[in-house]
Each structure stands twice: as C-alpha cells, then as structure tokens.
Amino acid sequence: MSDTVLFGIIFAGFFVLRFIAATVVFYYVLPAGDRCPNCDAPTIRVQSRFWNALLPWVRTSWCYSCGWEGFLRNGPLSSPAETQALTRKP
C-alpha cells in the first residue's frame, strides 16, 4: 500500500475517532433528569419532530421559569407535588 493511501486512512480514522469522542463527552455533559441547568426548576418536555427523531436518547426541554431551552438526558423526574409547589402563586 502506498504511503499516501496509508496516510489518508490514518487521517480519516483520527477524524472519525475525534468525532465519536466529542459526541460521548458532550452527551455526558448534558444534565440528567428534568431540572433546568440555569435555575433548577422543573422543565417542560417539548415535542420537536426533527430533534426527537435525530436524537431519541435525549429530551428537548423548555424551562417556564427562566426561558431556557435545550437538551437533557433521560433521568429521574420531579414529583408532581414538588412541581405544583413551585408553580403555585402566593
């Protein structure tokens, strides 16, 4: 095999491995559960055809307290009593 082909295969392999490593790291950086990373309030799950079809292992969420929207990993959900206590107005 020529040196050019060998270099191309190794270069492409490093590129693919870098993409896989970055994807795994960013997945574990996402918070698990339904709590907002900004204000720690419960978030609402948002249905998005594109993102839910492309990334079924994460949930698209929106925080009604601070307006944050983004991805969260699937994890433990807040209890309904706790959620109602946070949304009840005095």
N, C-alpha and C. Protein backbone atom coordinates (compact mmCIF):
# COMPACT_ATOMS: atom_id res chain seq x y z
N MET A 1 0.85 -1.16 0.00
CA MET A 1 0.00 0.00 0.00
C MET A 1 0.90 1.23 0.00
N SER A 2 0.52 2.23 -0.76
CA SER A 2 1.36 3.42 -0.85
C SER A 2 1.23 4.27 0.41
N ASP A 3 2.21 5.13 0.60
CA ASP A 3 2.23 5.98 1.78
C ASP A 3 1.06 6.97 1.78
N THR A 4 0.65 7.42 0.63
CA THR A 4 -0.45 8.39 0.53
C THR A 4 -1.76 7.76 0.99
N VAL A 5 -2.05 6.56 0.57
CA VAL A 5 -3.27 5.86 0.96
C VAL A 5 -3.24 5.56 2.45
N LEU A 6 -2.11 5.11 2.95
CA LEU A 6 -1.96 4.81 4.38
C LEU A 6 -2.18 6.08 5.21
N PHE A 7 -1.60 7.19 4.79
CA PHE A 7 -1.80 8.45 5.48
C PHE A 7 -3.27 8.86 5.45
N GLY A 8 -3.93 8.71 4.34
CA GLY A 8 -5.35 9.06 4.22
C GLY A 8 -6.22 8.23 5.14
N ILE A 9 -5.94 6.95 5.24
CA ILE A 9 -6.72 6.07 6.11
C ILE A 9 -6.52 6.44 7.58
N ILE A 10 -5.28 6.68 7.96
CA ILE A 10 -5.00 7.06 9.35
C ILE A 10 -5.61 8.41 9.67
N PHE A 11 -5.49 9.37 8.77
CA PHE A 11 -6.05 10.70 8.98
C PHE A 11 -7.57 10.64 9.11
N ALA A 12 -8.23 9.89 8.26
CA ALA A 12 -9.68 9.74 8.32
C ALA A 12 -10.09 9.02 9.61
N GLY A 13 -9.31 8.03 10.01
CA GLY A 13 -9.60 7.31 11.27
C GLY A 13 -9.51 8.23 12.47
N PHE A 14 -8.49 9.08 12.53
CA PHE A 14 -8.38 10.03 13.64
C PHE A 14 -9.54 11.03 13.62
N PHE A 15 -9.98 11.44 12.46
CA PHE A 15 -11.10 12.36 12.35
C PHE A 15 -12.38 11.72 12.89
N VAL A 16 -12.63 10.48 12.52
CA VAL A 16 -13.82 9.76 12.98
C VAL A 16 -13.74 9.52 14.49
N LEU A 17 -12.59 9.13 15.00
CA LEU A 17 -12.44 8.90 16.44
C LEU A 17 -12.63 10.19 17.23
N ARG A 18 -12.16 11.31 16.70
CA ARG A 18 -12.34 12.60 17.37
C ARG A 18 -13.82 12.95 17.43
N PHE A 19 -14.55 12.71 16.38
CA PHE A 19 -15.99 12.98 16.34
C PHE A 19 -16.73 12.11 17.36
N ILE A 20 -16.39 10.84 17.44
CA ILE A 20 -17.03 9.93 18.38
C ILE A 20 -16.71 10.33 19.82
N ALA A 21 -15.46 10.66 20.10
CA ALA A 21 -15.07 11.07 21.46
C ALA A 21 -15.79 12.35 21.88
N ALA A 22 -15.89 13.33 20.98
CA ALA A 22 -16.58 14.58 21.30
C ALA A 22 -18.05 14.34 21.55
N THR A 23 -18.67 13.46 20.78
CA THR A 23 -20.09 13.16 20.97
C THR A 23 -20.34 12.51 22.33
N VAL A 24 -19.50 11.58 22.72
CA VAL A 24 -19.65 10.91 24.01
C VAL A 24 -19.45 11.90 25.16
N VAL A 25 -18.43 12.74 25.06
CA VAL A 25 -18.16 13.72 26.12
C VAL A 25 -19.32 14.70 26.25
N PHE A 26 -19.81 15.23 25.15
CA PHE A 26 -20.90 16.19 25.21
C PHE A 26 -22.19 15.55 25.70
N TYR A 27 -22.40 14.28 25.42
CA TYR A 27 -23.58 13.60 25.93
C TYR A 27 -23.55 13.54 27.46
N TYR A 28 -22.39 13.20 28.03
CA TYR A 28 -22.29 13.10 29.48
C TYR A 28 -22.22 14.46 30.16
N VAL A 29 -21.98 15.52 29.44
CA VAL A 29 -22.02 16.86 30.00
C VAL A 29 -23.45 17.33 30.18
N LEU A 30 -24.38 16.82 29.36
CA LEU A 30 -25.79 17.19 29.49
C LEU A 30 -26.31 16.73 30.84
N PRO A 31 -27.10 17.59 31.53
CA PRO A 31 -27.66 17.16 32.81
C PRO A 31 -28.74 16.09 32.63
N ALA A 32 -28.84 15.20 33.61
CA ALA A 32 -29.85 14.14 33.57
C ALA A 32 -31.06 14.57 34.38
N GLY A 33 -32.23 14.16 33.96
CA GLY A 33 -33.46 14.48 34.67
C GLY A 33 -34.25 15.56 33.97
N ASP A 34 -35.13 16.22 34.74
CA ASP A 34 -35.97 17.25 34.15
C ASP A 34 -35.75 18.62 34.79
N ARG A 35 -34.63 18.81 35.46
CA ARG A 35 -34.35 20.08 36.14
C ARG A 35 -33.56 21.00 35.22
N CYS A 36 -33.89 22.31 35.26
CA CYS A 36 -33.23 23.32 34.44
C CYS A 36 -31.79 23.51 34.91
N PRO A 37 -30.81 23.54 34.01
CA PRO A 37 -29.43 23.76 34.43
C PRO A 37 -29.17 25.19 34.91
N ASN A 38 -30.03 26.15 34.57
CA ASN A 38 -29.84 27.54 35.00
C ASN A 38 -30.46 27.83 36.36
N CYS A 39 -31.74 27.46 36.54
CA CYS A 39 -32.44 27.87 37.76
C CYS A 39 -32.92 26.69 38.60
N ASP A 40 -32.68 25.47 38.20
CA ASP A 40 -33.04 24.24 38.91
C ASP A 40 -34.55 24.06 39.09
N ALA A 41 -35.33 24.66 38.25
CA ALA A 41 -36.79 24.45 38.26
C ALA A 41 -37.12 23.29 37.32
N PRO A 42 -38.27 22.63 37.52
CA PRO A 42 -38.66 21.58 36.59
C PRO A 42 -38.92 22.14 35.19
N THR A 43 -38.57 21.39 34.19
CA THR A 43 -38.75 21.83 32.81
C THR A 43 -39.93 21.10 32.18
N ILE A 44 -40.37 21.62 31.07
CA ILE A 44 -41.45 21.02 30.30
C ILE A 44 -40.84 20.35 29.07
N ARG A 45 -41.29 19.15 28.78
CA ARG A 45 -40.81 18.46 27.59
C ARG A 45 -41.46 19.07 26.35
N VAL A 46 -40.64 19.38 25.35
CA VAL A 46 -41.11 20.00 24.11
C VAL A 46 -41.02 18.96 23.00
N GLN A 47 -42.08 18.80 22.23
CA GLN A 47 -42.07 17.85 21.12
C GLN A 47 -41.49 18.53 19.88
N SER A 48 -40.42 18.01 19.38
CA SER A 48 -39.77 18.51 18.17
C SER A 48 -39.54 17.32 17.25
N ARG A 49 -40.22 17.31 16.13
CA ARG A 49 -40.11 16.15 15.22
C ARG A 49 -38.68 15.90 14.80
N PHE A 50 -37.97 16.98 14.44
CA PHE A 50 -36.61 16.82 13.93
C PHE A 50 -35.67 16.30 15.01
N TRP A 51 -35.60 17.00 16.15
CA TRP A 51 -34.65 16.60 17.19
C TRP A 51 -35.02 15.27 17.84
N ASN A 52 -36.31 15.03 18.05
CA ASN A 52 -36.72 13.76 18.67
C ASN A 52 -36.47 12.57 17.75
N ALA A 53 -36.52 12.78 16.44
CA ALA A 53 -36.22 11.70 15.50
C ALA A 53 -34.71 11.49 15.38
N LEU A 54 -33.95 12.59 15.40
CA LEU A 54 -32.49 12.51 15.24
C LEU A 54 -31.81 12.04 16.51
N LEU A 55 -32.27 12.50 17.67
CA LEU A 55 -31.65 12.17 18.96
C LEU A 55 -32.69 11.62 19.92
N PRO A 56 -33.11 10.37 19.77
CA PRO A 56 -34.17 9.84 20.63
C PRO A 56 -33.74 9.60 22.07
N TRP A 57 -32.45 9.59 22.37
CA TRP A 57 -31.97 9.31 23.71
C TRP A 57 -31.86 10.56 24.58
N VAL A 58 -32.19 11.73 24.05
CA VAL A 58 -32.25 12.96 24.85
C VAL A 58 -33.65 13.54 24.77
N ARG A 59 -33.98 14.41 25.71
CA ARG A 59 -35.29 15.06 25.69
C ARG A 59 -35.11 16.55 25.44
N THR A 60 -35.91 17.09 24.54
CA THR A 60 -35.91 18.53 24.29
C THR A 60 -36.79 19.16 25.35
N SER A 61 -36.27 20.15 26.05
CA SER A 61 -36.96 20.73 27.19
C SER A 61 -36.97 22.23 27.14
N TRP A 62 -37.94 22.81 27.86
CA TRP A 62 -38.06 24.26 27.99
C TRP A 62 -38.41 24.57 29.44
N CYS A 63 -37.74 25.56 30.02
CA CYS A 63 -37.99 25.98 31.39
C CYS A 63 -38.93 27.17 31.38
N TYR A 64 -40.06 27.04 32.03
CA TYR A 64 -41.02 28.12 32.06
C TYR A 64 -40.66 29.18 33.09
N SER A 65 -39.68 28.93 33.95
CA SER A 65 -39.25 29.92 34.94
C SER A 65 -38.28 30.94 34.35
N CYS A 66 -37.27 30.44 33.64
CA CYS A 66 -36.24 31.36 33.12
C CYS A 66 -36.19 31.42 31.60
N GLY A 67 -36.93 30.55 30.90
CA GLY A 67 -36.96 30.58 29.45
C GLY A 67 -35.86 29.77 28.77
N TRP A 68 -35.08 29.00 29.54
CA TRP A 68 -34.03 28.17 28.95
C TRP A 68 -34.66 27.08 28.10
N GLU A 69 -34.03 26.76 26.97
CA GLU A 69 -34.46 25.63 26.16
C GLU A 69 -33.22 24.89 25.67
N GLY A 70 -33.32 23.57 25.66
CA GLY A 70 -32.18 22.77 25.23
C GLY A 70 -32.44 21.30 25.45
N PHE A 71 -31.35 20.55 25.53
CA PHE A 71 -31.41 19.10 25.66
C PHE A 71 -31.07 18.68 27.07
N LEU A 72 -31.74 17.63 27.52
CA LEU A 72 -31.45 16.98 28.79
C LEU A 72 -31.40 15.48 28.56
N ARG A 73 -30.54 14.80 29.32
CA ARG A 73 -30.53 13.35 29.25
C ARG A 73 -31.74 12.80 30.00
N ASN A 74 -32.20 11.63 29.61
CA ASN A 74 -33.29 10.99 30.33
C ASN A 74 -32.79 10.61 31.71
N GLY A 75 -33.60 10.86 32.71
CA GLY A 75 -33.20 10.58 34.09
C GLY A 75 -34.39 10.69 35.01
N PRO A 76 -34.12 10.86 36.31
CA PRO A 76 -35.22 10.93 37.27
C PRO A 76 -36.05 12.20 37.06
N LEU A 77 -37.37 12.06 37.18
CA LEU A 77 -38.28 13.18 37.00
C LEU A 77 -38.70 13.72 38.37
N SER A 78 -39.03 14.99 38.42
CA SER A 78 -39.50 15.62 39.64
C SER A 78 -40.89 15.10 39.99
N SER A 79 -41.19 15.08 41.27
CA SER A 79 -42.51 14.62 41.68
C SER A 79 -43.55 15.69 41.35
N PRO A 80 -44.79 15.29 41.05
CA PRO A 80 -45.83 16.27 40.72
C PRO A 80 -46.11 17.25 41.86
N ALA A 81 -46.03 16.80 43.12
CA ALA A 81 -46.27 17.69 44.26
C ALA A 81 -45.23 18.80 44.33
N GLU A 82 -43.98 18.43 44.06
CA GLU A 82 -42.91 19.43 44.07
C GLU A 82 -43.08 20.42 42.93
N THR A 83 -43.50 19.94 41.78
CA THR A 83 -43.72 20.80 40.63
C THR A 83 -44.88 21.78 40.90
N GLN A 84 -45.96 21.29 41.51
CA GLN A 84 -47.09 22.17 41.80
C GLN A 84 -46.71 23.21 42.85
N ALA A 85 -45.88 22.85 43.81
CA ALA A 85 -45.46 23.79 44.84
C ALA A 85 -44.63 24.91 44.22
N LEU A 86 -43.85 24.61 43.22
CA LEU A 86 -43.02 25.63 42.59
C LEU A 86 -43.84 26.55 41.70
N THR A 87 -44.91 26.03 41.10
CA THR A 87 -45.68 26.85 40.16
C THR A 87 -46.85 27.57 40.82
N ARG A 88 -47.17 27.24 42.07
CA ARG A 88 -48.28 27.88 42.76
C ARG A 88 -47.90 29.31 43.12
N LYS A 89 -48.79 30.23 42.85
CA LYS A 89 -48.53 31.64 43.14
C LYS A 89 -49.07 31.97 44.54
N PRO A 90 -48.32 32.72 45.34
CA PRO A 90 -48.76 33.04 46.71
C PRO A 90 -49.89 34.04 46.72
